[in-house]
Each structure stands twice: as C-alpha cells, then as structure tokens.
Amino acid sequence: MLDNFIFSINTTLPMVILVFAGIFFRKIGFINSVFLAGGNKIVFYVAMPILIFRSLASANLIDVLDLDFALFNAVFTVCAIFIIWGLSYLAFRKKAPGVISAFAQGSYRGNIGILALPVLLAIVAEENAAKGALVIAVLIPIYNILSVILLVVHSEKMSGLSLKPVLFGVIKNPPIIATIMGLAVAFSDIQLPIFAYTTVDQLAALATPLALICLGGGMVFEGFGSRFRYSVIASIIKIFLLPMAAGILAYLYGFRGDTLVTIIIMQGVPSAVISYVMVSQIGGDLYVAATNVLITTIMSAFSLTFLIFVMRTMGILV
C-alpha cells in the first residue's frame, strides 16, 4: 500500500510542481501573456502532436492486437463521452454555455499518453502492460476527433452550428493529423532514420513541461464560486466515477486480471494537459479547463492509490 502511494506521488508530484512553477514564474515576471500565447501554440501545433505521433508510432500494436479488448475500450469511451456531453449541455446551456466544452472534455479525457503506461508498467507484467499501447491507439483518435467537434461546436469563435466549419476544424487539427501519421507508421514497416527519432523524442519531451508551465502561468484564481465547483465536479467524474464504471462493466463483460486493470487505469488517470491547451486554442472556459487539470493531477496520487488498493483487495491485481 505504501509502495503504491509513493509510486503515485512520484508519478504525479513532478506535474504538480511544474504547474506551480508556472504560477511562480508569472508572479515574478519571468513569463507573461505573450510567452503563454506562444508557448500554448508551440504545445498545440508542434510538441503535443509529436508526442502523440511518437506514442503510436513506437508501439507494437500488431503483437498485442485484441479486437474484443479494443472494441470494449472504444465503445465504453464513446458512450461515456456522449453521456457526459449530453448531461453537461443540459446543465450549462442556459446559465454557462461557455463551460460545456471545458467541463465535458475535462470529465472524460485522460492523460493516457504520459501517465497510464508508467502506472501499468509498475503494477502489471510487462507483456500485459503492452496492451496499454493498444488502448492508446484506440482512444487517442476518439479523444481527438470528438474533442475537436465538441470544442468547435461550442466555441464562441464560431457562428452557428453548420457542418462545414466543424469538419474543417477536425481535418486540420494537429493532434488528429499526428494520430493518423502515428497509426500509419505503427501498422507499417516504415523505419525512420535515427536522427528523426532523436528529433521526435526531444520535441515530444518538450510537450508536458511546457504545457504544465503555461497552464500554471495562465491560471487566475477567481475564488471558490460556481466555476470552481464545476471543475471539482468534472474532476470527481474523471478520477472516480469513470474508472469505477469502466471497471464494473468490464468485469461483468468478462475481463479479468491485468486486462481489467488496464481498462481501469486507462480511465482513471488525471485529465490530459492537452485538454487545457485545446480549449485555449479553439475556445471554451479556460479557467474550468485549467483548474480541472490541476485538481485531477493532484488528486490522482490518492485516487490511483485507492484504485490499486481496491483491485488488490478484490484479488483482481496480485
């Protein structure tokens, strides 16, 4: 139990420190609004797409291909997204329409590319943890396509709900382009030269720290009003309700052992940093998006420990 708690702290605490570093740098004048605007653009258009490409391109997807497992993750995620989207629309369309996209995306989109695989490698057999790459390959396209549609549809920058700008926003979205390219490399025999892999690794390494620093630098505390409450609710859905629902349904479906653990962990990691970056670039409530990422990142050290403890107690994880 203590080892699992220490591992979770060691995984999430550096992210929390980087967020507070951004807050501190903004306070002392090291960074300003110009830096934040440029930094978010670098993350959204360069670093994060390259991180997505690297995660998919380097995965041995064919060796761990399990259609039943992949289909369950896809169906559960799509259903969860539309349920959360529908509920957030009903809840906020009149009193806070700008919150809809940030709340919904923060409730379902997990930091699978950065946190999920390290957590799995620490608690399950290495060959079984490789299935996490398959889940990433399934969920990243779903996250990217539906998140862009969600953000564009509810963006104040867009007039009306015509189909053309929505489709155009999806097609030209950098994370989606990166997903397609990554899958193409993963399922082919394409071998990139060593210098290309080195460049990709270095740019991908830039994504998370820069995004977290920009997240912290862009945060403006506005008190514990209704918008803070929205972030808390979205965070509870993301790190508690979503993994519990996934685990129960997966168990009833027949998944056991490391496969079941993989499903729960993939749904239980904190909200993705890119959700904040996408809101900053496409439109939505930036305060709700940033606060949601911060809360889930801090609380995931406890929630993941709780999930691991429950799974061990129930004999699912040995």
Protein backbone atom coordinates (compact mmCIF):
# COMPACT_ATOMS: atom_id res chain seq x y z
CA MET A 1 0.00 0.00 0.00
CA LEU A 2 2.74 2.44 0.99
CA ASP A 3 4.80 1.50 -2.08
CA ASN A 4 1.81 2.15 -4.34
CA PHE A 5 1.19 5.51 -2.66
CA ILE A 6 4.84 6.51 -3.02
CA PHE A 7 4.81 5.45 -6.68
CA SER A 8 1.69 7.53 -7.38
CA ILE A 9 3.21 10.54 -5.63
CA ASN A 10 6.45 10.17 -7.60
CA THR A 11 4.45 9.98 -10.83
CA THR A 12 2.13 12.95 -10.29
CA LEU A 13 4.07 15.29 -7.98
CA PRO A 14 6.50 16.49 -10.71
CA MET A 15 3.48 17.57 -12.79
CA VAL A 16 2.03 19.50 -9.85
CA ILE A 17 5.40 21.18 -9.21
CA LEU A 18 5.60 22.31 -12.85
CA VAL A 19 2.11 23.85 -12.64
CA PHE A 20 3.07 25.79 -9.52
CA ALA A 21 6.36 26.74 -11.17
CA GLY A 22 4.30 28.38 -13.93
CA ILE A 23 2.28 30.28 -11.32
CA PHE A 24 5.51 31.40 -9.61
CA PHE A 25 7.21 32.42 -12.87
CA ARG A 26 4.19 34.56 -13.78
CA LYS A 27 4.19 36.18 -10.33
CA ILE A 28 7.85 37.23 -10.51
CA GLY A 29 7.63 38.36 -14.14
CA PHE A 30 9.70 35.60 -15.79
CA ILE A 31 6.79 34.85 -18.13
CA ASN A 32 3.93 36.99 -19.39
CA SER A 33 0.83 36.75 -21.59
CA VAL A 34 2.96 36.91 -24.76
CA PHE A 35 5.05 33.93 -23.62
CA LEU A 36 1.92 31.99 -22.65
CA ALA A 37 0.26 32.60 -26.02
CA GLY A 38 3.37 31.48 -27.89
CA GLY A 39 4.01 28.56 -25.55
CA ASN A 40 0.48 27.20 -25.92
CA LYS A 41 0.78 27.43 -29.70
CA ILE A 42 4.07 25.50 -29.66
CA VAL A 43 2.47 22.81 -27.49
CA PHE A 44 -0.71 22.57 -29.56
CA TYR A 45 0.78 22.74 -33.05
CA VAL A 46 4.17 21.07 -32.52
CA ALA A 47 5.05 19.36 -29.24
CA MET A 48 1.80 17.57 -28.36
CA PRO A 49 1.19 16.27 -31.91
CA ILE A 50 4.75 14.91 -31.97
CA LEU A 51 4.20 13.28 -28.56
CA ILE A 52 1.03 11.62 -29.89
CA PHE A 53 2.87 10.51 -33.05
CA ARG A 54 5.73 9.02 -31.03
CA SER A 55 3.39 7.15 -28.63
CA LEU A 56 1.62 5.47 -31.54
CA ALA A 57 4.50 5.03 -33.99
CA SER A 58 6.72 3.27 -31.45
CA ALA A 59 4.01 0.88 -30.20
CA ASN A 60 3.97 -2.80 -31.21
CA LEU A 61 0.24 -2.69 -31.93
CA ILE A 62 0.09 -5.84 -34.07
CA ASP A 63 1.66 -8.03 -31.35
CA VAL A 64 -0.91 -7.02 -28.72
CA LEU A 65 -3.93 -6.79 -31.03
CA ASP A 66 -7.05 -8.00 -29.17
CA LEU A 67 -10.18 -6.97 -31.03
CA ASP A 68 -12.57 -7.74 -28.18
CA PHE A 69 -10.49 -5.70 -25.76
CA ALA A 70 -10.06 -2.83 -28.24
CA LEU A 71 -13.77 -2.78 -29.06
CA PHE A 72 -14.78 -2.62 -25.39
CA ASN A 73 -12.49 0.36 -24.75
CA ALA A 74 -13.76 2.13 -27.86
CA VAL A 75 -17.45 1.57 -27.15
CA PHE A 76 -17.20 2.48 -23.46
CA THR A 77 -15.27 5.67 -24.22
CA VAL A 78 -17.60 6.84 -26.99
CA CYS A 79 -20.68 6.16 -24.84
CA ALA A 80 -19.12 7.94 -21.85
CA ILE A 81 -18.23 10.97 -23.98
CA PHE A 82 -21.73 11.38 -25.38
CA ILE A 83 -23.39 10.83 -21.99
CA ILE A 84 -21.12 13.41 -20.32
CA TRP A 85 -21.51 15.81 -23.26
CA GLY A 86 -25.31 15.48 -23.13
CA LEU A 87 -25.50 15.98 -19.38
CA SER A 88 -23.16 18.99 -19.45
CA TYR A 89 -25.21 20.53 -22.27
CA LEU A 90 -28.43 20.13 -20.27
CA ALA A 91 -26.77 21.52 -17.14
CA PHE A 92 -24.97 24.54 -18.62
CA ARG A 93 -26.64 25.55 -21.88
CA LYS A 94 -28.66 28.34 -20.23
CA LYS A 95 -26.58 29.55 -17.30
CA ALA A 96 -22.99 28.96 -18.52
CA PRO A 97 -22.75 27.79 -22.17
CA GLY A 98 -19.03 28.53 -22.32
CA VAL A 99 -18.41 25.88 -19.64
CA ILE A 100 -19.89 22.98 -21.66
CA SER A 101 -16.83 22.04 -23.72
CA ALA A 102 -14.25 22.51 -20.93
CA PHE A 103 -16.39 20.61 -18.40
CA ALA A 104 -17.19 17.72 -20.74
CA GLN A 105 -13.63 17.29 -22.05
CA GLY A 106 -12.17 17.52 -18.54
CA SER A 107 -14.57 14.80 -17.36
CA TYR A 108 -13.57 12.16 -19.90
CA ARG A 109 -10.19 12.90 -21.49
CA GLY A 110 -7.35 11.21 -19.60
CA ASN A 111 -3.61 11.77 -19.67
CA ILE A 112 -3.06 8.31 -21.15
CA GLY A 113 -0.04 9.16 -23.28
CA ILE A 114 2.05 10.37 -20.33
CA LEU A 115 0.82 8.69 -17.14
CA ALA A 116 -1.08 5.50 -17.95
CA LEU A 117 1.77 3.37 -19.34
CA PRO A 118 4.21 4.13 -16.46
CA VAL A 119 1.50 3.23 -13.94
CA LEU A 120 0.74 -0.04 -15.75
CA LEU A 121 4.41 -0.98 -16.03
CA ALA A 122 4.70 -0.59 -12.26
CA ILE A 123 1.78 -2.84 -11.31
CA VAL A 124 1.31 -5.48 -14.06
CA ALA A 125 3.54 -7.79 -16.08
CA GLU A 126 5.47 -6.02 -18.85
CA GLU A 127 3.93 -8.10 -21.62
CA ASN A 128 0.45 -7.28 -20.34
CA ALA A 129 1.27 -3.60 -19.88
CA ALA A 130 1.95 -3.52 -23.62
CA LYS A 131 -1.82 -3.71 -24.08
CA GLY A 132 -1.84 -0.15 -22.85
CA ALA A 133 -0.34 0.84 -26.21
CA LEU A 134 -3.34 -0.74 -27.91
CA VAL A 135 -5.71 1.28 -25.73
CA ILE A 136 -3.76 4.45 -26.55
CA ALA A 137 -4.08 3.67 -30.26
CA VAL A 138 -7.85 3.23 -29.81
CA LEU A 139 -8.54 6.17 -27.51
CA ILE A 140 -6.33 8.91 -28.95
CA PRO A 141 -8.24 9.08 -32.28
CA ILE A 142 -11.55 9.00 -30.39
CA TYR A 143 -10.42 11.70 -27.96
CA ASN A 144 -9.01 13.93 -30.67
CA ILE A 145 -11.88 13.71 -33.15
CA LEU A 146 -14.72 14.04 -30.65
CA SER A 147 -12.90 16.69 -28.58
CA VAL A 148 -12.35 18.88 -31.62
CA ILE A 149 -16.01 18.51 -32.62
CA LEU A 150 -17.09 19.29 -29.04
CA LEU A 151 -14.87 22.37 -28.81
CA VAL A 152 -15.70 23.72 -32.26
CA VAL A 153 -19.46 23.25 -31.81
CA HIS A 154 -19.45 25.15 -28.51
CA SER A 155 -16.77 27.70 -29.39
CA GLU A 156 -17.83 31.35 -29.23
CA LYS A 157 -15.44 31.98 -32.12
CA MET A 158 -17.74 30.03 -34.41
CA SER A 159 -21.03 31.42 -35.70
CA GLY A 160 -23.82 28.88 -35.77
CA LEU A 161 -23.57 25.10 -35.93
CA SER A 162 -23.04 24.49 -39.65
CA LEU A 163 -21.32 21.24 -40.53
CA LYS A 164 -18.61 22.68 -42.79
CA PRO A 165 -16.56 24.57 -40.15
CA VAL A 166 -16.85 21.60 -37.77
CA LEU A 167 -15.47 19.17 -40.36
CA PHE A 168 -12.79 21.64 -41.39
CA GLY A 169 -11.78 22.10 -37.75
CA VAL A 170 -11.46 18.33 -37.34
CA ILE A 171 -9.50 17.74 -40.56
CA LYS A 172 -6.91 20.46 -39.93
CA ASN A 173 -6.46 19.68 -36.21
CA PRO A 174 -2.77 18.89 -35.48
CA PRO A 175 -3.40 16.07 -32.92
CA ILE A 176 -5.66 14.30 -35.43
CA ILE A 177 -3.07 14.60 -38.19
CA ALA A 178 -0.46 13.24 -35.76
CA THR A 179 -2.74 10.34 -34.84
CA ILE A 180 -3.21 9.32 -38.47
CA MET A 181 0.53 9.54 -39.15
CA GLY A 182 1.40 7.61 -35.98
CA LEU A 183 -1.00 4.79 -36.78
CA ALA A 184 0.31 4.63 -40.35
CA VAL A 185 3.86 4.12 -39.08
CA ALA A 186 2.79 1.66 -36.34
CA PHE A 187 0.94 -0.64 -38.76
CA SER A 188 3.58 -0.48 -41.50
CA ASP A 189 7.23 -1.41 -41.89
CA ILE A 190 8.33 2.20 -42.17
CA GLN A 191 11.62 2.80 -40.38
CA LEU A 192 12.53 6.39 -39.68
CA PRO A 193 16.24 7.32 -39.61
CA ILE A 194 17.89 7.58 -36.19
CA PHE A 195 18.22 11.37 -36.35
CA ALA A 196 14.46 11.62 -36.98
CA TYR A 197 13.65 9.52 -33.90
CA THR A 198 16.07 11.61 -31.82
CA THR A 199 14.46 14.85 -33.00
CA VAL A 200 10.98 13.46 -32.34
CA ASP A 201 11.97 12.36 -28.82
CA GLN A 202 13.41 15.77 -27.99
CA LEU A 203 10.38 17.67 -29.24
CA ALA A 204 7.99 15.24 -27.54
CA ALA A 205 9.87 15.73 -24.26
CA LEU A 206 9.07 19.44 -24.52
CA ALA A 207 5.30 18.90 -24.60
CA THR A 208 4.40 18.11 -21.00
CA PRO A 209 6.68 20.52 -19.07
CA LEU A 210 5.93 23.46 -21.35
CA ALA A 211 2.19 22.74 -21.30
CA LEU A 212 2.16 22.49 -17.49
CA ILE A 213 4.18 25.69 -17.03
CA CYS A 214 1.84 27.52 -19.42
CA LEU A 215 -1.13 26.04 -17.58
CA GLY A 216 0.15 27.38 -14.25
CA GLY A 217 1.15 30.72 -15.73
CA GLY A 218 -2.27 31.18 -17.27
CA MET A 219 -4.24 30.34 -14.15
CA VAL A 220 -6.06 33.18 -12.48
CA PHE A 221 -7.75 32.24 -9.21
CA GLU A 222 -11.29 33.59 -9.20
CA GLY A 223 -12.45 32.34 -5.83
CA PHE A 224 -14.50 29.31 -4.85
CA GLY A 225 -17.55 30.29 -6.88
CA SER A 226 -19.68 28.27 -9.25
CA ARG A 227 -16.95 27.82 -11.86
CA PHE A 228 -14.60 26.29 -9.31
CA ARG A 229 -17.42 23.95 -8.35
CA TYR A 230 -17.77 22.90 -11.99
CA SER A 231 -14.08 21.93 -12.08
CA VAL A 232 -14.45 19.89 -8.89
CA ILE A 233 -17.48 18.00 -10.27
CA ALA A 234 -15.67 17.29 -13.56
CA SER A 235 -12.65 16.07 -11.60
CA ILE A 236 -14.74 13.67 -9.49
CA ILE A 237 -16.27 12.23 -12.66
CA LYS A 238 -12.82 11.81 -14.25
CA ILE A 239 -10.80 10.19 -11.49
CA PHE A 240 -13.50 8.32 -9.54
CA LEU A 241 -16.79 7.72 -11.37
CA LEU A 242 -15.38 6.96 -14.84
CA PRO A 243 -12.84 4.28 -13.78
CA MET A 244 -15.38 2.70 -11.40
CA ALA A 245 -17.99 2.48 -14.17
CA ALA A 246 -15.41 1.08 -16.60
CA GLY A 247 -14.23 -1.49 -14.07
CA ILE A 248 -17.73 -2.72 -13.20
CA LEU A 249 -18.82 -3.03 -16.82
CA ALA A 250 -15.54 -4.67 -17.86
CA TYR A 251 -15.85 -7.19 -15.01
CA LEU A 252 -19.43 -8.01 -15.96
CA TYR A 253 -18.31 -8.36 -19.59
CA GLY A 254 -15.78 -10.99 -18.54
CA PHE A 255 -12.42 -9.23 -18.36
CA ARG A 256 -10.15 -10.32 -15.52
CA GLY A 257 -6.62 -9.84 -14.22
CA ASP A 258 -4.21 -7.47 -15.93
CA THR A 259 -6.62 -6.80 -18.79
CA LEU A 260 -9.23 -5.49 -16.35
CA VAL A 261 -6.58 -3.48 -14.51
CA THR A 262 -5.52 -1.86 -17.80
CA ILE A 263 -9.08 -0.74 -18.54
CA ILE A 264 -9.50 0.80 -15.06
CA ILE A 265 -6.15 2.60 -15.05
CA MET A 266 -6.65 3.99 -18.56
CA GLN A 267 -9.93 5.59 -17.46
CA GLY A 268 -8.61 6.66 -14.04
CA VAL A 269 -5.59 8.79 -14.94
CA PRO A 270 -5.97 12.58 -14.49
CA SER A 271 -7.32 14.91 -17.15
CA ALA A 272 -5.00 15.43 -20.10
CA VAL A 273 -2.93 18.60 -20.27
CA ILE A 274 -3.81 18.85 -23.97
CA SER A 275 -7.46 19.40 -23.00
CA TYR A 276 -6.45 22.74 -21.48
CA VAL A 277 -4.26 23.55 -24.49
CA MET A 278 -7.08 22.76 -26.94
CA VAL A 279 -9.53 24.92 -25.00
CA SER A 280 -7.02 27.79 -25.09
CA GLN A 281 -6.65 27.49 -28.87
CA ILE A 282 -10.16 26.54 -30.06
CA GLY A 283 -12.40 28.11 -27.41
CA GLY A 284 -14.10 27.37 -24.12
CA ASP A 285 -13.83 28.24 -20.43
CA LEU A 286 -10.08 28.32 -19.80
CA TYR A 287 -10.46 28.65 -16.02
CA VAL A 288 -12.55 25.46 -15.76
CA ALA A 289 -10.17 23.57 -18.08
CA ALA A 290 -7.01 24.63 -16.21
CA THR A 291 -8.48 24.08 -12.73
CA ASN A 292 -9.77 20.65 -13.74
CA VAL A 293 -6.30 19.54 -14.91
CA LEU A 294 -4.73 20.86 -11.70
CA ILE A 295 -7.27 19.19 -9.38
CA THR A 296 -7.17 15.80 -11.13
CA THR A 297 -3.37 15.84 -11.28
CA ILE A 298 -3.09 16.48 -7.54
CA MET A 299 -5.88 14.09 -6.56
CA SER A 300 -4.74 11.27 -8.86
CA ALA A 301 -1.96 10.39 -6.42
CA PHE A 302 -4.71 9.44 -3.95
CA SER A 303 -7.31 8.15 -6.42
CA LEU A 304 -4.88 5.83 -8.24
CA THR A 305 -3.62 4.54 -4.89
CA PHE A 306 -7.23 3.89 -3.88
CA LEU A 307 -7.98 2.08 -7.15
CA ILE A 308 -4.85 -0.07 -6.83
CA PHE A 309 -5.71 -0.88 -3.21
CA VAL A 310 -9.29 -1.89 -4.13
CA MET A 311 -8.10 -4.06 -7.01
CA ARG A 312 -5.58 -5.85 -4.77
CA THR A 313 -8.16 -6.33 -2.01
CA MET A 314 -10.59 -7.87 -4.51
CA GLY A 315 -7.88 -10.15 -5.90
CA ILE A 316 -8.01 -8.54 -9.36
CA LEU A 317 -4.42 -7.35 -9.04
CA VAL A 318 -1.85 -9.66 -7.46
